[in-house]
Structure formats: structure tokens, C-alpha cells
Amino acid sequence: MTATTADHAHPARRARTGGPADGPKILEHVLGWTLVVVLAIFVTGAGLM
């Protein structure tokens, strides 16, 4: 078996990033942007920017 054949044996194998395994993608995006907004409010309120 060559290296190219081994690569095609598992095309669905991807690097895991630690996010939800099979949750809805929209929920992940909404929670991510909510975190960004809350962090921006905190930074602005603390006078760091």
C-alpha cells in the first residue's frame, strides 16, 4: 500500500477542534459571536480601549 492509497482509505477523518461533535452549526456561531460581543463590552467598559 502506498502513501496515496492510505490517504484515500479514510477521507472523512478530520482534525478535531474541540467544538460540539454533532450540534447545529448556527448555535456554535451565535455563541461565538456572543462571546466576542461580551468581551468587547467588557474591554470598552473597563477603559482598556
Protein backbone atom coordinates (compact mmCIF):
# COMPACT_ATOMS: atom_id res chain seq x y z
CA MET A 1 0.00 0.00 0.00
CA THR A 2 1.42 3.38 -0.95
CA ALA A 3 1.01 6.67 0.87
CA THR A 4 -1.61 7.91 -1.59
CA THR A 5 -3.70 4.78 -1.14
CA ALA A 6 -3.55 5.12 2.64
CA ASP A 7 -4.72 8.75 2.41
CA HIS A 8 -7.79 7.73 0.40
CA ALA A 9 -8.69 4.94 2.80
CA HIS A 10 -10.23 7.35 5.35
CA PRO A 11 -11.33 10.53 3.54
CA ALA A 12 -13.78 11.50 6.32
CA ARG A 13 -11.11 11.61 9.04
CA ARG A 14 -10.58 15.25 10.02
CA ALA A 15 -8.74 17.09 12.77
CA ARG A 16 -10.94 17.71 15.80
CA THR A 17 -11.06 21.27 17.13
CA GLY A 18 -12.88 20.60 20.39
CA GLY A 19 -16.20 22.05 19.27
CA PRO A 20 -19.58 20.34 19.54
CA ALA A 21 -19.49 17.00 17.74
CA ASP A 22 -22.88 17.00 16.04
CA GLY A 23 -24.63 20.11 17.29
CA PRO A 24 -26.11 22.70 14.96
CA LYS A 25 -23.52 24.96 13.36
CA ILE A 26 -25.70 28.07 13.82
CA LEU A 27 -25.62 27.60 17.60
CA GLU A 28 -21.84 27.45 17.55
CA HIS A 29 -21.65 30.67 15.52
CA VAL A 30 -24.16 32.51 17.71
CA LEU A 31 -22.36 31.52 20.91
CA GLY A 32 -19.00 32.50 19.42
CA TRP A 33 -20.20 35.94 18.36
CA THR A 34 -21.94 36.42 21.72
CA LEU A 35 -18.61 35.79 23.43
CA VAL A 36 -16.93 38.34 21.13
CA VAL A 37 -19.55 41.00 21.89
CA VAL A 38 -19.42 40.39 25.65
CA LEU A 39 -15.63 40.61 25.60
CA ALA A 40 -15.79 43.85 23.60
CA ILE A 41 -18.28 45.34 26.10
CA PHE A 42 -16.03 44.34 28.99
CA VAL A 43 -12.90 45.80 27.38
CA THR A 44 -14.67 49.06 26.49
CA GLY A 45 -16.29 49.36 29.91
CA ALA A 46 -13.00 48.78 31.69
CA GLY A 47 -11.44 51.60 29.69
CA LEU A 48 -8.83 49.41 28.05
CA MET A 49 -9.64 50.82 24.60
